[in-house]
Amino acid sequence: MKSILSKAPGAPKLLASALLCLTSLGVFAQGSTSTQPASAEKKQLVAQILKLQQGGIEVLARGIAERPAAQLIQQAGLALQRLPVESREAVARDIEADARKYAEEVVPIVRTRALQLAPTTVGPILENNFSEDELRQLITMLESPLNKRFQSMAPEMQRALTEKLVADSRAEVEPKVRAMEQSVIKRLGATQSTPPASGPAAPVKK
């Protein structure tokens, strides 16, 4: 049970540690310092920063994708305490397998979508708030004084990418979340209830 939970820390914490590396993931560009169209040179610099930050974006995406599994496992852990001792281990093992299968299917979907969305969410923020010279410093100087201002935009940048990513991947992810939930419910219900002698089984309530 703990192994799945340990792999799904909160997105804000993940992003904060990624920022210490140099860059960030982006969102709403309110109060931008520039409204001029970005030059080809600036766009290239922003693309380079996003490439450097790819690992941080992937970590954020994994945290978002695995969060439903982590929450469900946490809830299932409470329910497992009500099962007979001799059956807890087997049911827990099956539930964790369901969660692992869900993560294996969903993480690649969300990770790919995050990398696709970063240029249109993070990119404009970097283009509007940093000059070409500043972008060069961000690339070459991890300890640049600009780094503090860059990191201060983390909540804004994270919010934009997260909101867009969740909305954009919901249609593909939600059916898998429901399938995982139903599988866990069936496992818990089958263990806790005794089948009737005749007639259809009563529906399992969540």
N, C-alpha and C. Protein backbone atom coordinates (compact mmCIF):
# COMPACT_ATOMS: atom_id res chain seq x y z
N MET A 1 0.82 -1.20 0.00
CA MET A 1 0.00 0.00 0.00
C MET A 1 0.86 1.25 0.00
N LYS A 2 1.89 1.28 0.79
CA LYS A 2 2.71 2.48 0.90
C LYS A 2 3.49 2.75 -0.37
N SER A 3 3.81 1.70 -1.13
CA SER A 3 4.64 1.91 -2.30
C SER A 3 3.97 2.80 -3.33
N ILE A 4 2.65 2.63 -3.51
CA ILE A 4 1.95 3.48 -4.46
C ILE A 4 1.86 4.90 -3.93
N LEU A 5 1.51 5.04 -2.67
CA LEU A 5 1.38 6.36 -2.08
C LEU A 5 2.70 7.12 -2.14
N SER A 6 3.79 6.42 -1.93
CA SER A 6 5.07 7.11 -1.91
C SER A 6 5.45 7.63 -3.28
N LYS A 7 4.81 7.13 -4.32
CA LYS A 7 5.15 7.57 -5.66
C LYS A 7 4.25 8.71 -6.12
N ALA A 8 3.33 9.18 -5.29
CA ALA A 8 2.40 10.20 -5.72
C ALA A 8 2.35 11.39 -4.79
N PRO A 9 3.45 12.11 -4.60
CA PRO A 9 3.42 13.30 -3.76
C PRO A 9 2.64 14.40 -4.43
N GLY A 10 2.28 15.44 -3.69
CA GLY A 10 1.49 16.53 -4.23
C GLY A 10 2.22 17.31 -5.30
N ALA A 11 1.47 17.82 -6.27
CA ALA A 11 2.07 18.56 -7.37
C ALA A 11 2.84 19.79 -6.93
N PRO A 12 2.35 20.60 -5.98
CA PRO A 12 3.11 21.78 -5.58
C PRO A 12 4.50 21.43 -5.07
N LYS A 13 4.62 20.39 -4.26
CA LYS A 13 5.93 20.00 -3.73
C LYS A 13 6.84 19.55 -4.84
N LEU A 14 6.30 18.80 -5.80
CA LEU A 14 7.09 18.33 -6.92
C LEU A 14 7.62 19.51 -7.72
N LEU A 15 6.77 20.48 -7.97
CA LEU A 15 7.17 21.61 -8.78
C LEU A 15 8.21 22.45 -8.06
N ALA A 16 8.07 22.59 -6.77
CA ALA A 16 9.02 23.40 -6.00
C ALA A 16 10.42 22.83 -6.12
N SER A 17 10.54 21.51 -5.98
CA SER A 17 11.86 20.91 -6.06
C SER A 17 12.40 20.99 -7.49
N ALA A 18 11.51 20.91 -8.46
CA ALA A 18 11.96 21.03 -9.85
C ALA A 18 12.48 22.43 -10.13
N LEU A 19 11.87 23.41 -9.53
CA LEU A 19 12.29 24.80 -9.74
C LEU A 19 13.70 25.04 -9.24
N LEU A 20 14.10 24.36 -8.16
CA LEU A 20 15.43 24.56 -7.62
C LEU A 20 16.49 24.21 -8.65
N CYS A 21 16.11 23.40 -9.60
CA CYS A 21 17.03 22.98 -10.64
C CYS A 21 17.33 24.11 -11.62
N LEU A 22 16.33 24.98 -11.86
CA LEU A 22 16.55 26.17 -12.71
C LEU A 22 15.26 26.75 -13.22
N THR A 23 14.32 25.90 -13.62
CA THR A 23 13.18 26.43 -14.32
C THR A 23 11.86 26.07 -13.70
N SER A 24 10.75 26.32 -14.42
CA SER A 24 9.45 26.11 -13.87
C SER A 24 8.44 25.77 -14.95
N LEU A 25 7.25 25.40 -14.50
CA LEU A 25 6.16 25.07 -15.40
C LEU A 25 5.14 26.20 -15.35
N GLY A 26 4.47 26.53 -16.39
CA GLY A 26 3.78 27.77 -16.40
C GLY A 26 2.30 27.79 -16.46
N VAL A 27 1.78 29.00 -16.28
CA VAL A 27 0.35 29.24 -16.35
C VAL A 27 0.00 30.68 -16.58
N PHE A 28 -1.18 31.13 -16.08
CA PHE A 28 -1.72 32.44 -16.39
C PHE A 28 -0.68 33.55 -16.41
N ALA A 29 -0.65 34.31 -17.47
CA ALA A 29 0.30 35.40 -17.60
C ALA A 29 -0.38 36.72 -17.35
N GLN A 30 -0.78 36.98 -16.13
CA GLN A 30 -1.41 38.24 -15.76
C GLN A 30 -0.31 39.25 -15.46
N GLY A 31 -0.55 40.49 -15.84
CA GLY A 31 0.43 41.53 -15.57
C GLY A 31 1.73 41.33 -16.31
N SER A 32 1.66 40.88 -17.56
CA SER A 32 2.86 40.64 -18.34
C SER A 32 3.61 41.95 -18.57
N THR A 33 4.93 41.87 -18.63
CA THR A 33 5.73 43.07 -18.80
C THR A 33 5.89 43.45 -20.26
N SER A 34 5.49 42.56 -21.19
CA SER A 34 5.64 42.85 -22.61
C SER A 34 4.44 42.31 -23.37
N THR A 35 3.98 43.10 -24.34
CA THR A 35 2.86 42.66 -25.18
C THR A 35 3.30 42.53 -26.63
N GLN A 36 4.57 42.76 -26.92
CA GLN A 36 5.09 42.67 -28.27
C GLN A 36 5.23 41.20 -28.67
N PRO A 37 4.97 40.89 -29.96
CA PRO A 37 5.17 39.51 -30.41
C PRO A 37 6.62 39.08 -30.17
N ALA A 38 6.79 37.87 -29.70
CA ALA A 38 8.13 37.37 -29.41
C ALA A 38 8.91 37.16 -30.70
N SER A 39 10.17 37.51 -30.67
CA SER A 39 11.04 37.30 -31.83
C SER A 39 11.37 35.82 -31.97
N ALA A 40 11.88 35.47 -33.13
CA ALA A 40 12.28 34.08 -33.36
C ALA A 40 13.36 33.66 -32.38
N GLU A 41 14.28 34.59 -32.07
CA GLU A 41 15.36 34.31 -31.13
C GLU A 41 14.81 34.02 -29.74
N LYS A 42 13.83 34.84 -29.31
CA LYS A 42 13.25 34.65 -27.98
C LYS A 42 12.51 33.32 -27.92
N LYS A 43 11.76 32.98 -28.95
CA LYS A 43 11.04 31.71 -28.97
C LYS A 43 12.01 30.54 -28.88
N GLN A 44 13.15 30.67 -29.53
CA GLN A 44 14.15 29.60 -29.48
C GLN A 44 14.72 29.47 -28.07
N LEU A 45 14.96 30.59 -27.40
CA LEU A 45 15.47 30.56 -26.03
C LEU A 45 14.45 29.93 -25.09
N VAL A 46 13.17 30.29 -25.26
CA VAL A 46 12.12 29.71 -24.43
C VAL A 46 12.03 28.21 -24.67
N ALA A 47 12.12 27.79 -25.92
CA ALA A 47 12.08 26.36 -26.23
C ALA A 47 13.23 25.63 -25.55
N GLN A 48 14.39 26.28 -25.48
CA GLN A 48 15.55 25.66 -24.83
C GLN A 48 15.31 25.51 -23.33
N ILE A 49 14.69 26.52 -22.72
CA ILE A 49 14.38 26.44 -21.29
C ILE A 49 13.38 25.32 -21.04
N LEU A 50 12.36 25.22 -21.87
CA LEU A 50 11.36 24.16 -21.69
C LEU A 50 11.99 22.78 -21.84
N LYS A 51 12.95 22.67 -22.74
CA LYS A 51 13.63 21.38 -22.90
C LYS A 51 14.43 21.05 -21.64
N LEU A 52 15.09 22.06 -21.07
CA LEU A 52 15.83 21.84 -19.83
C LEU A 52 14.90 21.45 -18.69
N GLN A 53 13.67 21.94 -18.73
CA GLN A 53 12.71 21.69 -17.65
C GLN A 53 11.84 20.47 -17.92
N GLN A 54 12.11 19.73 -18.95
CA GLN A 54 11.27 18.58 -19.30
C GLN A 54 11.11 17.61 -18.13
N GLY A 55 12.19 17.37 -17.41
CA GLY A 55 12.10 16.46 -16.27
C GLY A 55 11.14 16.95 -15.22
N GLY A 56 11.14 18.25 -14.94
CA GLY A 56 10.21 18.80 -13.96
C GLY A 56 8.77 18.70 -14.41
N ILE A 57 8.54 18.92 -15.70
CA ILE A 57 7.19 18.80 -16.24
C ILE A 57 6.70 17.36 -16.11
N GLU A 58 7.57 16.40 -16.40
CA GLU A 58 7.18 15.00 -16.31
C GLU A 58 6.87 14.60 -14.86
N VAL A 59 7.64 15.14 -13.91
CA VAL A 59 7.38 14.84 -12.50
C VAL A 59 6.02 15.39 -12.08
N LEU A 60 5.72 16.62 -12.50
CA LEU A 60 4.43 17.21 -12.19
C LEU A 60 3.30 16.38 -12.78
N ALA A 61 3.46 15.96 -14.04
CA ALA A 61 2.43 15.16 -14.70
C ALA A 61 2.20 13.83 -13.97
N ARG A 62 3.28 13.19 -13.54
CA ARG A 62 3.15 11.92 -12.82
C ARG A 62 2.38 12.12 -11.51
N GLY A 63 2.70 13.20 -10.80
CA GLY A 63 2.00 13.47 -9.55
C GLY A 63 0.50 13.66 -9.76
N ILE A 64 0.14 14.38 -10.83
CA ILE A 64 -1.27 14.61 -11.13
C ILE A 64 -1.94 13.30 -11.53
N ALA A 65 -1.27 12.50 -12.38
CA ALA A 65 -1.86 11.26 -12.88
C ALA A 65 -2.05 10.23 -11.77
N GLU A 66 -1.10 10.14 -10.83
CA GLU A 66 -1.16 9.11 -9.81
C GLU A 66 -2.01 9.50 -8.60
N ARG A 67 -2.40 10.78 -8.52
CA ARG A 67 -3.13 11.23 -7.34
C ARG A 67 -4.43 10.44 -7.10
N PRO A 68 -5.27 10.16 -8.15
CA PRO A 68 -6.49 9.39 -7.87
C PRO A 68 -6.20 8.00 -7.31
N ALA A 69 -5.15 7.34 -7.82
CA ALA A 69 -4.80 6.02 -7.31
C ALA A 69 -4.35 6.10 -5.86
N ALA A 70 -3.58 7.12 -5.54
CA ALA A 70 -3.10 7.27 -4.16
C ALA A 70 -4.26 7.51 -3.21
N GLN A 71 -5.20 8.35 -3.64
CA GLN A 71 -6.35 8.64 -2.78
C GLN A 71 -7.22 7.40 -2.59
N LEU A 72 -7.41 6.65 -3.68
CA LEU A 72 -8.23 5.45 -3.57
C LEU A 72 -7.58 4.40 -2.69
N ILE A 73 -6.28 4.23 -2.80
CA ILE A 73 -5.57 3.26 -1.96
C ILE A 73 -5.66 3.66 -0.49
N GLN A 74 -5.58 4.96 -0.24
CA GLN A 74 -5.70 5.43 1.14
C GLN A 74 -7.07 5.08 1.71
N GLN A 75 -8.11 5.29 0.91
CA GLN A 75 -9.47 4.96 1.35
C GLN A 75 -9.64 3.45 1.50
N ALA A 76 -9.08 2.70 0.56
CA ALA A 76 -9.19 1.25 0.63
C ALA A 76 -8.47 0.71 1.86
N GLY A 77 -7.39 1.37 2.26
CA GLY A 77 -6.66 0.93 3.44
C GLY A 77 -7.52 0.92 4.68
N LEU A 78 -8.40 1.90 4.80
CA LEU A 78 -9.32 1.95 5.94
C LEU A 78 -10.32 0.80 5.86
N ALA A 79 -10.83 0.55 4.64
CA ALA A 79 -11.81 -0.52 4.47
C ALA A 79 -11.19 -1.90 4.73
N LEU A 80 -9.91 -2.04 4.41
CA LEU A 80 -9.25 -3.34 4.61
C LEU A 80 -9.23 -3.74 6.08
N GLN A 81 -9.21 -2.77 6.96
CA GLN A 81 -9.17 -3.08 8.39
C GLN A 81 -10.44 -3.79 8.86
N ARG A 82 -11.50 -3.70 8.06
CA ARG A 82 -12.76 -4.35 8.43
C ARG A 82 -12.87 -5.76 7.87
N LEU A 83 -11.90 -6.16 7.08
CA LEU A 83 -11.93 -7.50 6.49
C LEU A 83 -11.33 -8.52 7.45
N PRO A 84 -11.66 -9.79 7.26
CA PRO A 84 -11.01 -10.84 8.06
C PRO A 84 -9.50 -10.78 7.89
N VAL A 85 -8.78 -11.00 8.97
CA VAL A 85 -7.33 -10.87 8.94
C VAL A 85 -6.71 -11.75 7.86
N GLU A 86 -7.26 -12.96 7.69
CA GLU A 86 -6.64 -13.90 6.76
C GLU A 86 -6.78 -13.48 5.29
N SER A 87 -7.70 -12.57 5.00
CA SER A 87 -7.91 -12.17 3.61
C SER A 87 -7.36 -10.79 3.29
N ARG A 88 -6.90 -10.06 4.28
CA ARG A 88 -6.46 -8.68 4.04
C ARG A 88 -5.29 -8.59 3.07
N GLU A 89 -4.30 -9.44 3.29
CA GLU A 89 -3.09 -9.34 2.48
C GLU A 89 -3.37 -9.59 1.01
N ALA A 90 -4.18 -10.60 0.72
CA ALA A 90 -4.48 -10.92 -0.68
C ALA A 90 -5.27 -9.80 -1.34
N VAL A 91 -6.27 -9.25 -0.63
CA VAL A 91 -7.08 -8.17 -1.19
C VAL A 91 -6.22 -6.93 -1.39
N ALA A 92 -5.37 -6.62 -0.42
CA ALA A 92 -4.49 -5.46 -0.55
C ALA A 92 -3.57 -5.60 -1.75
N ARG A 93 -3.08 -6.82 -1.97
CA ARG A 93 -2.20 -7.07 -3.10
C ARG A 93 -2.94 -6.85 -4.42
N ASP A 94 -4.19 -7.31 -4.49
CA ASP A 94 -4.98 -7.14 -5.71
C ASP A 94 -5.29 -5.67 -5.97
N ILE A 95 -5.61 -4.94 -4.90
CA ILE A 95 -5.94 -3.52 -5.05
C ILE A 95 -4.72 -2.74 -5.53
N GLU A 96 -3.56 -3.06 -4.95
CA GLU A 96 -2.35 -2.36 -5.39
C GLU A 96 -2.03 -2.69 -6.84
N ALA A 97 -2.32 -3.91 -7.26
CA ALA A 97 -2.10 -4.27 -8.66
C ALA A 97 -3.02 -3.45 -9.56
N ASP A 98 -4.27 -3.25 -9.13
CA ASP A 98 -5.20 -2.41 -9.90
C ASP A 98 -4.67 -0.99 -10.02
N ALA A 99 -4.18 -0.45 -8.91
CA ALA A 99 -3.67 0.91 -8.91
C ALA A 99 -2.42 1.03 -9.79
N ARG A 100 -1.58 0.01 -9.73
CA ARG A 100 -0.36 0.03 -10.54
C ARG A 100 -0.72 -0.02 -12.03
N LYS A 101 -1.69 -0.85 -12.38
CA LYS A 101 -2.13 -0.95 -13.77
C LYS A 101 -2.69 0.39 -14.25
N TYR A 102 -3.47 1.03 -13.38
CA TYR A 102 -4.03 2.35 -13.71
C TYR A 102 -2.89 3.34 -13.98
N ALA A 103 -1.89 3.37 -13.09
CA ALA A 103 -0.79 4.32 -13.24
C ALA A 103 0.00 4.05 -14.52
N GLU A 104 0.23 2.78 -14.83
CA GLU A 104 0.97 2.44 -16.04
C GLU A 104 0.25 2.90 -17.29
N GLU A 105 -1.08 2.93 -17.25
CA GLU A 105 -1.86 3.35 -18.40
C GLU A 105 -2.00 4.88 -18.48
N VAL A 106 -2.18 5.51 -17.32
CA VAL A 106 -2.52 6.93 -17.31
C VAL A 106 -1.30 7.84 -17.31
N VAL A 107 -0.23 7.47 -16.60
CA VAL A 107 0.94 8.36 -16.52
C VAL A 107 1.47 8.73 -17.91
N PRO A 108 1.64 7.78 -18.84
CA PRO A 108 2.12 8.18 -20.17
C PRO A 108 1.18 9.15 -20.88
N ILE A 109 -0.14 8.98 -20.68
CA ILE A 109 -1.10 9.88 -21.31
C ILE A 109 -0.92 11.31 -20.80
N VAL A 110 -0.89 11.46 -19.48
CA VAL A 110 -0.80 12.78 -18.88
C VAL A 110 0.58 13.39 -19.13
N ARG A 111 1.64 12.57 -19.07
CA ARG A 111 2.99 13.08 -19.31
C ARG A 111 3.11 13.64 -20.72
N THR A 112 2.62 12.89 -21.70
CA THR A 112 2.69 13.36 -23.08
C THR A 112 1.89 14.64 -23.27
N ARG A 113 0.70 14.69 -22.68
CA ARG A 113 -0.13 15.88 -22.80
C ARG A 113 0.51 17.09 -22.13
N ALA A 114 1.18 16.88 -21.00
CA ALA A 114 1.85 17.98 -20.31
C ALA A 114 2.97 18.57 -21.16
N LEU A 115 3.76 17.70 -21.78
CA LEU A 115 4.84 18.18 -22.62
C LEU A 115 4.31 18.91 -23.85
N GLN A 116 3.14 18.49 -24.34
CA GLN A 116 2.53 19.16 -25.47
C GLN A 116 1.97 20.54 -25.09
N LEU A 117 1.46 20.64 -23.87
CA LEU A 117 0.83 21.88 -23.43
C LEU A 117 1.82 22.92 -22.91
N ALA A 118 2.98 22.48 -22.45
CA ALA A 118 3.94 23.41 -21.85
C ALA A 118 4.29 24.59 -22.76
N PRO A 119 4.54 24.38 -24.06
CA PRO A 119 4.91 25.52 -24.90
C PRO A 119 3.81 26.58 -25.00
N THR A 120 2.55 26.19 -24.89
CA THR A 120 1.46 27.16 -25.02
C THR A 120 0.99 27.70 -23.67
N THR A 121 1.48 27.15 -22.57
CA THR A 121 1.12 27.66 -21.24
C THR A 121 2.31 28.34 -20.58
N VAL A 122 3.43 27.61 -20.49
CA VAL A 122 4.64 28.17 -19.91
C VAL A 122 5.31 29.15 -20.88
N GLY A 123 5.33 28.77 -22.13
CA GLY A 123 6.03 29.58 -23.13
C GLY A 123 5.64 31.05 -23.14
N PRO A 124 4.35 31.38 -23.26
CA PRO A 124 3.96 32.80 -23.30
C PRO A 124 4.35 33.56 -22.04
N ILE A 125 4.33 32.90 -20.89
CA ILE A 125 4.72 33.58 -19.64
C ILE A 125 6.19 33.97 -19.70
N LEU A 126 7.02 33.04 -20.14
CA LEU A 126 8.44 33.33 -20.25
C LEU A 126 8.69 34.41 -21.30
N GLU A 127 8.00 34.33 -22.42
CA GLU A 127 8.18 35.33 -23.48
C GLU A 127 7.79 36.72 -23.01
N ASN A 128 6.71 36.82 -22.24
CA ASN A 128 6.18 38.12 -21.84
C ASN A 128 6.88 38.73 -20.64
N ASN A 129 7.54 37.91 -19.83
CA ASN A 129 8.11 38.41 -18.58
C ASN A 129 9.63 38.50 -18.58
N PHE A 130 10.28 37.94 -19.60
CA PHE A 130 11.74 37.96 -19.65
C PHE A 130 12.21 38.42 -21.02
N SER A 131 13.26 39.21 -21.01
CA SER A 131 13.89 39.63 -22.26
C SER A 131 14.77 38.51 -22.79
N GLU A 132 15.28 38.68 -23.99
CA GLU A 132 16.17 37.66 -24.55
C GLU A 132 17.42 37.51 -23.70
N ASP A 133 17.97 38.63 -23.25
CA ASP A 133 19.18 38.56 -22.41
C ASP A 133 18.89 37.82 -21.11
N GLU A 134 17.73 38.08 -20.52
CA GLU A 134 17.36 37.41 -19.27
C GLU A 134 17.17 35.92 -19.48
N LEU A 135 16.59 35.55 -20.59
CA LEU A 135 16.41 34.13 -20.89
C LEU A 135 17.76 33.44 -21.04
N ARG A 136 18.72 34.13 -21.64
CA ARG A 136 20.05 33.55 -21.77
C ARG A 136 20.69 33.34 -20.39
N GLN A 137 20.46 34.30 -19.51
CA GLN A 137 21.01 34.15 -18.16
C GLN A 137 20.35 33.00 -17.42
N LEU A 138 19.06 32.81 -17.62
CA LEU A 138 18.36 31.68 -16.97
C LEU A 138 18.91 30.35 -17.44
N ILE A 139 19.31 30.31 -18.69
CA ILE A 139 19.85 29.08 -19.24
C ILE A 139 21.25 28.80 -18.73
N THR A 140 22.07 29.84 -18.63
CA THR A 140 23.49 29.65 -18.31
C THR A 140 23.85 29.87 -16.85
N MET A 141 22.97 30.51 -16.08
CA MET A 141 23.33 30.85 -14.70
C MET A 141 22.26 30.38 -13.72
N LEU A 142 22.48 29.23 -13.13
CA LEU A 142 21.52 28.69 -12.17
C LEU A 142 21.38 29.59 -10.95
N GLU A 143 22.42 30.29 -10.61
CA GLU A 143 22.40 31.15 -9.43
C GLU A 143 22.16 32.61 -9.78
N SER A 144 21.65 32.86 -10.93
CA SER A 144 21.39 34.24 -11.35
C SER A 144 20.40 34.92 -10.42
N PRO A 145 20.55 36.23 -10.16
CA PRO A 145 19.55 36.97 -9.37
C PRO A 145 18.16 36.89 -9.97
N LEU A 146 18.09 36.63 -11.26
CA LEU A 146 16.78 36.51 -11.91
C LEU A 146 16.06 35.24 -11.47
N ASN A 147 16.82 34.28 -10.96
CA ASN A 147 16.23 33.01 -10.59
C ASN A 147 15.15 33.16 -9.51
N LYS A 148 15.39 34.08 -8.58
CA LYS A 148 14.40 34.30 -7.52
C LYS A 148 13.08 34.81 -8.09
N ARG A 149 13.16 35.76 -9.01
CA ARG A 149 11.92 36.27 -9.62
C ARG A 149 11.25 35.19 -10.46
N PHE A 150 12.07 34.42 -11.16
CA PHE A 150 11.54 33.31 -11.97
C PHE A 150 10.79 32.32 -11.10
N GLN A 151 11.37 31.95 -9.96
CA GLN A 151 10.75 30.99 -9.06
C GLN A 151 9.48 31.56 -8.43
N SER A 152 9.45 32.88 -8.22
CA SER A 152 8.27 33.48 -7.60
C SER A 152 7.03 33.32 -8.46
N MET A 153 7.22 33.02 -9.74
CA MET A 153 6.09 32.82 -10.64
C MET A 153 5.59 31.38 -10.63
N ALA A 154 6.23 30.52 -9.83
CA ALA A 154 5.88 29.10 -9.82
C ALA A 154 4.41 28.84 -9.57
N PRO A 155 3.78 29.44 -8.55
CA PRO A 155 2.36 29.14 -8.32
C PRO A 155 1.49 29.51 -9.51
N GLU A 156 1.75 30.67 -10.10
CA GLU A 156 0.97 31.11 -11.26
C GLU A 156 1.18 30.17 -12.44
N MET A 157 2.43 29.83 -12.68
CA MET A 157 2.76 28.96 -13.81
C MET A 157 2.21 27.55 -13.61
N GLN A 158 2.36 27.03 -12.39
CA GLN A 158 1.84 25.70 -12.09
C GLN A 158 0.33 25.65 -12.27
N ARG A 159 -0.36 26.68 -11.79
CA ARG A 159 -1.81 26.70 -11.87
C ARG A 159 -2.29 26.63 -13.31
N ALA A 160 -1.65 27.38 -14.20
CA ALA A 160 -2.08 27.40 -15.59
C ALA A 160 -1.93 26.05 -16.26
N LEU A 161 -0.75 25.46 -16.10
CA LEU A 161 -0.51 24.17 -16.73
C LEU A 161 -1.40 23.09 -16.12
N THR A 162 -1.54 23.10 -14.80
CA THR A 162 -2.35 22.08 -14.13
C THR A 162 -3.80 22.15 -14.56
N GLU A 163 -4.37 23.36 -14.56
CA GLU A 163 -5.78 23.51 -14.95
C GLU A 163 -6.01 23.05 -16.38
N LYS A 164 -5.14 23.45 -17.28
CA LYS A 164 -5.28 23.06 -18.68
C LYS A 164 -5.06 21.56 -18.86
N LEU A 165 -4.06 21.02 -18.16
CA LEU A 165 -3.74 19.59 -18.28
C LEU A 165 -4.89 18.74 -17.79
N VAL A 166 -5.46 19.09 -16.62
CA VAL A 166 -6.57 18.32 -16.06
C VAL A 166 -7.78 18.36 -17.01
N ALA A 167 -8.09 19.56 -17.51
CA ALA A 167 -9.24 19.70 -18.41
C ALA A 167 -9.02 18.95 -19.72
N ASP A 168 -7.80 18.99 -20.21
CA ASP A 168 -7.51 18.40 -21.51
C ASP A 168 -7.45 16.88 -21.48
N SER A 169 -7.05 16.30 -20.34
CA SER A 169 -6.90 14.85 -20.25
C SER A 169 -8.08 14.17 -19.54
N ARG A 170 -9.06 14.95 -19.07
CA ARG A 170 -10.16 14.39 -18.28
C ARG A 170 -10.92 13.29 -19.03
N ALA A 171 -11.22 13.51 -20.31
CA ALA A 171 -12.02 12.54 -21.05
C ALA A 171 -11.36 11.17 -21.12
N GLU A 172 -10.04 11.14 -21.21
CA GLU A 172 -9.33 9.86 -21.30
C GLU A 172 -9.08 9.25 -19.93
N VAL A 173 -8.89 10.09 -18.92
CA VAL A 173 -8.50 9.59 -17.61
C VAL A 173 -9.69 9.15 -16.77
N GLU A 174 -10.80 9.90 -16.82
CA GLU A 174 -11.94 9.60 -15.94
C GLU A 174 -12.48 8.18 -16.10
N PRO A 175 -12.63 7.65 -17.33
CA PRO A 175 -13.11 6.26 -17.44
C PRO A 175 -12.19 5.26 -16.76
N LYS A 176 -10.88 5.52 -16.79
CA LYS A 176 -9.93 4.62 -16.15
C LYS A 176 -10.02 4.73 -14.64
N VAL A 177 -10.28 5.95 -14.14
CA VAL A 177 -10.47 6.12 -12.70
C VAL A 177 -11.69 5.35 -12.24
N ARG A 178 -12.79 5.47 -13.00
CA ARG A 178 -14.03 4.75 -12.64
C ARG A 178 -13.83 3.24 -12.69
N ALA A 179 -13.11 2.76 -13.71
CA ALA A 179 -12.85 1.32 -13.81
C ALA A 179 -12.04 0.82 -12.62
N MET A 180 -11.04 1.60 -12.21
CA MET A 180 -10.24 1.22 -11.05
C MET A 180 -11.10 1.21 -9.79
N GLU A 181 -11.95 2.21 -9.63
CA GLU A 181 -12.82 2.28 -8.45
C GLU A 181 -13.75 1.07 -8.39
N GLN A 182 -14.35 0.72 -9.54
CA GLN A 182 -15.28 -0.41 -9.56
C GLN A 182 -14.57 -1.71 -9.24
N SER A 183 -13.34 -1.85 -9.73
CA SER A 183 -12.59 -3.07 -9.44
C SER A 183 -12.31 -3.19 -7.95
N VAL A 184 -11.93 -2.07 -7.32
CA VAL A 184 -11.65 -2.09 -5.88
C VAL A 184 -12.92 -2.37 -5.10
N ILE A 185 -14.03 -1.74 -5.50
CA ILE A 185 -15.31 -1.95 -4.81
C ILE A 185 -15.72 -3.42 -4.88
N LYS A 186 -15.56 -4.03 -6.06
CA LYS A 186 -15.94 -5.43 -6.22
C LYS A 186 -15.08 -6.33 -5.33
N ARG A 187 -13.79 -6.04 -5.26
CA ARG A 187 -12.90 -6.86 -4.44
C ARG A 187 -13.29 -6.77 -2.97
N LEU A 188 -13.54 -5.54 -2.51
CA LEU A 188 -13.92 -5.36 -1.12
C LEU A 188 -15.28 -5.98 -0.83
N GLY A 189 -16.23 -5.78 -1.76
CA GLY A 189 -17.58 -6.30 -1.57
C GLY A 189 -17.62 -7.81 -1.57
N ALA A 190 -16.86 -8.43 -2.48
CA ALA A 190 -16.86 -9.89 -2.57
C ALA A 190 -16.28 -10.51 -1.31
N THR A 191 -15.38 -9.82 -0.66
CA THR A 191 -14.75 -10.37 0.54
C THR A 191 -15.60 -10.17 1.77
N GLN A 192 -16.35 -9.06 1.81
CA GLN A 192 -17.12 -8.74 3.01
C GLN A 192 -18.49 -9.39 3.05
N SER A 193 -19.04 -9.73 1.89
CA SER A 193 -20.41 -10.24 1.87
C SER A 193 -20.44 -11.71 1.51
N THR A 194 -21.47 -12.38 1.96
CA THR A 194 -21.68 -13.79 1.64
C THR A 194 -22.76 -13.89 0.58
N PRO A 195 -22.52 -14.56 -0.55
CA PRO A 195 -23.52 -14.66 -1.61
C PRO A 195 -24.79 -15.31 -1.11
N PRO A 196 -25.96 -14.81 -1.53
CA PRO A 196 -27.23 -15.42 -1.11
C PRO A 196 -27.41 -16.80 -1.72
N ALA A 197 -28.26 -17.58 -1.12
CA ALA A 197 -28.49 -18.94 -1.60
C ALA A 197 -29.07 -18.93 -2.99
N SER A 198 -29.93 -17.99 -3.31
CA SER A 198 -30.54 -17.93 -4.63
C SER A 198 -30.84 -16.48 -4.95
N GLY A 199 -31.10 -16.24 -6.23
CA GLY A 199 -31.45 -14.89 -6.63
C GLY A 199 -30.21 -14.09 -6.94
N PRO A 200 -30.39 -12.93 -7.61
CA PRO A 200 -29.24 -12.09 -7.99
C PRO A 200 -28.60 -11.45 -6.77
N ALA A 201 -27.32 -11.18 -6.88
CA ALA A 201 -26.59 -10.54 -5.79
C ALA A 201 -27.03 -9.12 -5.63
N ALA A 202 -27.05 -8.66 -4.39
CA ALA A 202 -27.44 -7.27 -4.14
C ALA A 202 -26.33 -6.35 -4.65
N PRO A 203 -26.72 -5.19 -5.19
CA PRO A 203 -25.69 -4.27 -5.70
C PRO A 203 -24.77 -3.81 -4.58
N VAL A 204 -23.49 -3.67 -4.91
CA VAL A 204 -22.51 -3.23 -3.94
C VAL A 204 -22.53 -1.73 -3.88
N LYS A 205 -22.71 -1.19 -2.70
CA LYS A 205 -22.73 0.26 -2.53
C LYS A 205 -21.33 0.75 -2.27
N LYS A 206 -21.00 1.90 -2.84
CA LYS A 206 -19.67 2.48 -2.66
C LYS A 206 -19.57 3.07 -1.27
